[in-house]
Amino acid sequence: MSALYIDADACPVKAEAERVASRHGLRMFVVSNGGLRPSQNPLVENVIVDAGADVADMWIAERCGPGDIVVTGDIPLAAKCIAAGARVLRHNGDRFTEANIGQQLAMRDLMADLRAANPLGMAGGGKGFTKTDRSRFLDSLEREIRAAKS
């Protein structure tokens, strides 16, 4: 049976993922550096990893595999999970795939270079997380779970 891995430190859809996973009887791992309220759901395992750069990412990447689903906004983690055979979703429902992960990594690196070259010119955050993003995530997660089961 598949498992659902949540890169949880900045994940806005933990509760939604838990509801969908529970409906399907899917085991869910909520991986973080701490500070999250643990779920009482017996299908949900709250995994607290040591503080440090990419420790939660490494924990997920070392365990996920074919048939598993990973929810993350971290592009390098997504690439590792895809290489391991897992299905990977962003929090807004967009899917990382073998076909698009290379472009995603290249764009991430380009943006990091641009920010480093002109730190004052690229201030501000990204767009906000909307109800439409949440709805798209729920639809995408449902599709990925069904596909993983077949």
C-alpha atoms as a PDB file:
ATOM      1  CA  MET A   1       0.000   0.000   0.000  1.00  0.00           C
ATOM      2  CA  SER A   2       1.148   3.514  -0.781  1.00  0.00           C
ATOM      3  CA  ALA A   3       2.081   6.115   1.795  1.00  0.00           C
ATOM      4  CA  LEU A   4       1.642   9.875   1.791  1.00  0.00           C
ATOM      5  CA  TYR A   5       4.630  11.989   2.855  1.00  0.00           C
ATOM      6  CA  ILE A   6       4.088  15.628   3.808  1.00  0.00           C
ATOM      7  CA  ASP A   7       7.019  18.061   3.897  1.00  0.00           C
ATOM      8  CA  ALA A   8       5.194  19.807   6.704  1.00  0.00           C
ATOM      9  CA  ASP A   9       7.132  22.816   7.983  1.00  0.00           C
ATOM     10  CA  ALA A  10       5.512  25.259   5.551  1.00  0.00           C
ATOM     11  CA  CYS A  11       2.654  23.103   4.268  1.00  0.00           C
ATOM     12  CA  PRO A  12      -0.735  24.875   4.203  1.00  0.00           C
ATOM     13  CA  VAL A  13      -2.707  21.712   3.319  1.00  0.00           C
ATOM     14  CA  LYS A  14      -1.851  19.248   6.115  1.00  0.00           C
ATOM     15  CA  ALA A  15      -5.440  18.994   7.363  1.00  0.00           C
ATOM     16  CA  GLU A  16      -6.821  18.499   3.853  1.00  0.00           C
ATOM     17  CA  ALA A  17      -4.227  15.829   3.088  1.00  0.00           C
ATOM     18  CA  GLU A  18      -5.096  14.026   6.326  1.00  0.00           C
ATOM     19  CA  ARG A  19      -8.811  13.962   5.469  1.00  0.00           C
ATOM     20  CA  VAL A  20      -8.163  12.525   2.004  1.00  0.00           C
ATOM     21  CA  ALA A  21      -5.603   9.999   3.285  1.00  0.00           C
ATOM     22  CA  SER A  22      -7.998   8.860   6.021  1.00  0.00           C
ATOM     23  CA  ARG A  23     -10.818   8.374   3.531  1.00  0.00           C
ATOM     24  CA  HIS A  24      -8.541   6.064   1.536  1.00  0.00           C
ATOM     25  CA  GLY A  25      -7.010   4.317   4.563  1.00  0.00           C
ATOM     26  CA  LEU A  26      -3.610   5.639   3.521  1.00  0.00           C
ATOM     27  CA  ARG A  27      -0.739   5.944   5.982  1.00  0.00           C
ATOM     28  CA  MET A  28       0.532   9.525   6.219  1.00  0.00           C
ATOM     29  CA  PHE A  29       3.900  10.787   7.484  1.00  0.00           C
ATOM     30  CA  VAL A  30       3.981  14.443   8.561  1.00  0.00           C
ATOM     31  CA  VAL A  31       7.690  15.317   8.608  1.00  0.00           C
ATOM     32  CA  SER A  32       8.932  18.507  10.252  1.00  0.00           C
ATOM     33  CA  ASN A  33      11.566  20.041  12.513  1.00  0.00           C
ATOM     34  CA  GLY A  34       8.939  20.373  15.242  1.00  0.00           C
ATOM     35  CA  GLY A  35       6.452  22.927  16.403  1.00  0.00           C
ATOM     36  CA  LEU A  36       3.425  21.242  14.845  1.00  0.00           C
ATOM     37  CA  ARG A  37       0.422  19.966  16.741  1.00  0.00           C
ATOM     38  CA  PRO A  38       0.462  16.160  16.427  1.00  0.00           C
ATOM     39  CA  SER A  39      -2.533  14.445  14.912  1.00  0.00           C
ATOM     40  CA  GLN A  40      -4.475  11.905  16.950  1.00  0.00           C
ATOM     41  CA  ASN A  41      -5.346   9.990  13.782  1.00  0.00           C
ATOM     42  CA  PRO A  42      -3.863   6.462  13.972  1.00  0.00           C
ATOM     43  CA  LEU A  43      -3.016   6.616  10.247  1.00  0.00           C
ATOM     44  CA  VAL A  44      -0.873   9.728  10.743  1.00  0.00           C
ATOM     45  CA  GLU A  45       2.663   9.491  12.047  1.00  0.00           C
ATOM     46  CA  ASN A  46       4.216  12.776  13.116  1.00  0.00           C
ATOM     47  CA  VAL A  47       7.948  12.580  12.437  1.00  0.00           C
ATOM     48  CA  ILE A  48      10.126  15.171  14.151  1.00  0.00           C
ATOM     49  CA  VAL A  49      13.620  15.350  12.679  1.00  0.00           C
ATOM     50  CA  ASP A  50      16.663  17.187  13.983  1.00  0.00           C
ATOM     51  CA  ALA A  51      16.974  20.853  13.138  1.00  0.00           C
ATOM     52  CA  GLY A  52      19.186  21.586  10.197  1.00  0.00           C
ATOM     53  CA  ALA A  53      19.131  22.305   6.520  1.00  0.00           C
ATOM     54  CA  ASP A  54      17.261  19.679   4.513  1.00  0.00           C
ATOM     55  CA  VAL A  55      17.013  17.102   7.340  1.00  0.00           C
ATOM     56  CA  ALA A  56      13.276  16.637   6.792  1.00  0.00           C
ATOM     57  CA  ASP A  57      13.846  16.478   3.040  1.00  0.00           C
ATOM     58  CA  MET A  58      16.474  13.756   3.431  1.00  0.00           C
ATOM     59  CA  TRP A  59      14.160  11.733   5.690  1.00  0.00           C
ATOM     60  CA  ILE A  60      11.421  11.792   3.056  1.00  0.00           C
ATOM     61  CA  ALA A  61      13.753  11.178   0.091  1.00  0.00           C
ATOM     62  CA  GLU A  62      15.307   8.139   1.785  1.00  0.00           C
ATOM     63  CA  ARG A  63      11.930   6.473   2.398  1.00  0.00           C
ATOM     64  CA  CYS A  64       9.611   7.297  -0.485  1.00  0.00           C
ATOM     65  CA  GLY A  65       9.333   5.087  -3.529  1.00  0.00           C
ATOM     66  CA  PRO A  66       7.049   3.784  -6.257  1.00  0.00           C
ATOM     67  CA  GLY A  67       3.375   4.155  -5.370  1.00  0.00           C
ATOM     68  CA  ASP A  68       4.047   6.780  -2.700  1.00  0.00           C
ATOM     69  CA  ILE A  69       2.885  10.389  -2.887  1.00  0.00           C
ATOM     70  CA  VAL A  70       4.926  13.321  -1.608  1.00  0.00           C
ATOM     71  CA  VAL A  71       3.563  16.822  -0.953  1.00  0.00           C
ATOM     72  CA  THR A  72       6.247  19.498  -1.031  1.00  0.00           C
ATOM     73  CA  GLY A  73       7.105  22.886  -2.427  1.00  0.00           C
ATOM     74  CA  ASP A  74      10.814  22.048  -2.339  1.00  0.00           C
ATOM     75  CA  ILE A  75      12.010  21.481  -5.905  1.00  0.00           C
ATOM     76  CA  PRO A  76      15.258  19.589  -5.113  1.00  0.00           C
ATOM     77  CA  LEU A  77      13.283  17.264  -2.814  1.00  0.00           C
ATOM     78  CA  ALA A  78      10.706  16.785  -5.559  1.00  0.00           C
ATOM     79  CA  ALA A  79      13.480  15.776  -7.963  1.00  0.00           C
ATOM     80  CA  LYS A  80      14.822  13.164  -5.518  1.00  0.00           C
ATOM     81  CA  CYS A  81      11.351  11.757  -4.912  1.00  0.00           C
ATOM     82  CA  ILE A  82      10.594  11.534  -8.629  1.00  0.00           C
ATOM     83  CA  ALA A  83      13.906   9.715  -9.129  1.00  0.00           C
ATOM     84  CA  ALA A  84      12.790   7.263  -6.417  1.00  0.00           C
ATOM     85  CA  GLY A  85       9.547   6.618  -8.313  1.00  0.00           C
ATOM     86  CA  ALA A  86       7.162   8.614  -6.120  1.00  0.00           C
ATOM     87  CA  ARG A  87       4.384  10.918  -7.321  1.00  0.00           C
ATOM     88  CA  VAL A  88       4.945  14.515  -6.191  1.00  0.00           C
ATOM     89  CA  LEU A  89       2.502  17.397  -5.718  1.00  0.00           C
ATOM     90  CA  ARG A  90       2.939  21.028  -4.782  1.00  0.00           C
ATOM     91  CA  HIS A  91       0.630  22.488  -2.139  1.00  0.00           C
ATOM     92  CA  ASN A  92      -1.450  24.121  -4.874  1.00  0.00           C
ATOM     93  CA  GLY A  93      -2.060  20.828  -6.695  1.00  0.00           C
ATOM     94  CA  ASP A  94       0.532  21.283  -9.448  1.00  0.00           C
ATOM     95  CA  ARG A  95       2.315  18.033 -10.192  1.00  0.00           C
ATOM     96  CA  PHE A  96       6.068  17.605 -10.462  1.00  0.00           C
ATOM     97  CA  THR A  97       6.928  15.018 -13.136  1.00  0.00           C
ATOM     98  CA  GLU A  98       9.954  13.616 -14.915  1.00  0.00           C
ATOM     99  CA  ALA A  99       8.946  15.817 -17.852  1.00  0.00           C
ATOM    100  CA  ASN A 100       8.929  19.115 -15.920  1.00  0.00           C
ATOM    101  CA  ILE A 101      11.347  18.702 -13.005  1.00  0.00           C
ATOM    102  CA  GLY A 102      14.444  19.672 -15.016  1.00  0.00           C
ATOM    103  CA  GLN A 103      12.870  22.962 -16.059  1.00  0.00           C
ATOM    104  CA  GLN A 104      11.687  23.578 -12.482  1.00  0.00           C
ATOM    105  CA  LEU A 105      15.225  23.044 -11.133  1.00  0.00           C
ATOM    106  CA  ALA A 106      16.724  25.311 -13.799  1.00  0.00           C
ATOM    107  CA  MET A 107      14.216  28.092 -13.059  1.00  0.00           C
ATOM    108  CA  ARG A 108      14.878  27.769  -9.326  1.00  0.00           C
ATOM    109  CA  ASP A 109      18.627  28.109  -9.907  1.00  0.00           C
ATOM    110  CA  LEU A 110      18.146  31.049 -12.270  1.00  0.00           C
ATOM    111  CA  MET A 111      15.989  32.904  -9.754  1.00  0.00           C
ATOM    112  CA  ALA A 112      18.538  32.243  -6.991  1.00  0.00           C
ATOM    113  CA  ASP A 113      21.281  33.688  -9.219  1.00  0.00           C
ATOM    114  CA  LEU A 114      19.166  36.756 -10.019  1.00  0.00           C
ATOM    115  CA  ARG A 115      18.425  37.365  -6.337  1.00  0.00           C
ATOM    116  CA  ALA A 116      22.120  37.019  -5.485  1.00  0.00           C
ATOM    117  CA  ALA A 117      23.123  39.461  -8.219  1.00  0.00           C
ATOM    118  CA  ASN A 118      20.577  42.103  -7.193  1.00  0.00           C
ATOM    119  CA  PRO A 119      19.179  41.436  -3.724  1.00  0.00           C
ATOM    120  CA  LEU A 120      17.348  44.785  -3.567  1.00  0.00           C
ATOM    121  CA  GLY A 121      15.637  44.405  -6.919  1.00  0.00           C
ATOM    122  CA  MET A 122      13.732  41.203  -6.163  1.00  0.00           C
ATOM    123  CA  ALA A 123      12.105  41.948  -2.827  1.00  0.00           C
ATOM    124  CA  GLY A 124       8.720  40.601  -1.823  1.00  0.00           C
ATOM    125  CA  GLY A 125       7.149  37.214  -1.495  1.00  0.00           C
ATOM    126  CA  GLY A 126       5.192  35.096  -3.868  1.00  0.00           C
ATOM    127  CA  LYS A 127       1.471  35.178  -4.432  1.00  0.00           C
ATOM    128  CA  GLY A 128      -0.818  34.209  -1.583  1.00  0.00           C
ATOM    129  CA  PHE A 129      -2.345  30.773  -1.113  1.00  0.00           C
ATOM    130  CA  THR A 130      -6.006  30.857  -2.221  1.00  0.00           C
ATOM    131  CA  LYS A 131      -9.151  28.775  -1.847  1.00  0.00           C
ATOM    132  CA  THR A 132      -8.710  27.825  -5.508  1.00  0.00           C
ATOM    133  CA  ASP A 133      -5.211  26.501  -4.736  1.00  0.00           C
ATOM    134  CA  ARG A 134      -6.626  24.451  -1.850  1.00  0.00           C
ATOM    135  CA  SER A 135      -9.385  23.042  -4.055  1.00  0.00           C
ATOM    136  CA  ARG A 136      -6.926  22.185  -6.840  1.00  0.00           C
ATOM    137  CA  PHE A 137      -4.725  20.431  -4.299  1.00  0.00           C
ATOM    138  CA  LEU A 138      -7.614  18.309  -3.058  1.00  0.00           C
ATOM    139  CA  ASP A 139      -8.567  17.305  -6.610  1.00  0.00           C
ATOM    140  CA  SER A 140      -4.959  16.516  -7.520  1.00  0.00           C
ATOM    141  CA  LEU A 141      -4.337  14.494  -4.367  1.00  0.00           C
ATOM    142  CA  GLU A 142      -7.471  12.448  -4.960  1.00  0.00           C
ATOM    143  CA  ARG A 143      -6.346  11.698  -8.538  1.00  0.00           C
ATOM    144  CA  GLU A 144      -2.819  10.758  -7.444  1.00  0.00           C
ATOM    145  CA  ILE A 145      -4.063   8.402  -4.727  1.00  0.00           C
ATOM    146  CA  ARG A 146      -6.401   6.674  -7.164  1.00  0.00           C
ATOM    147  CA  ALA A 147      -3.613   6.384  -9.744  1.00  0.00           C
ATOM    148  CA  ALA A 148      -1.192   5.007  -7.136  1.00  0.00           C
ATOM    149  CA  LYS A 149      -3.721   2.375  -6.086  1.00  0.00           C
ATOM    150  CA  SER A 150      -4.240   1.101  -9.636  1.00  0.00           C
END
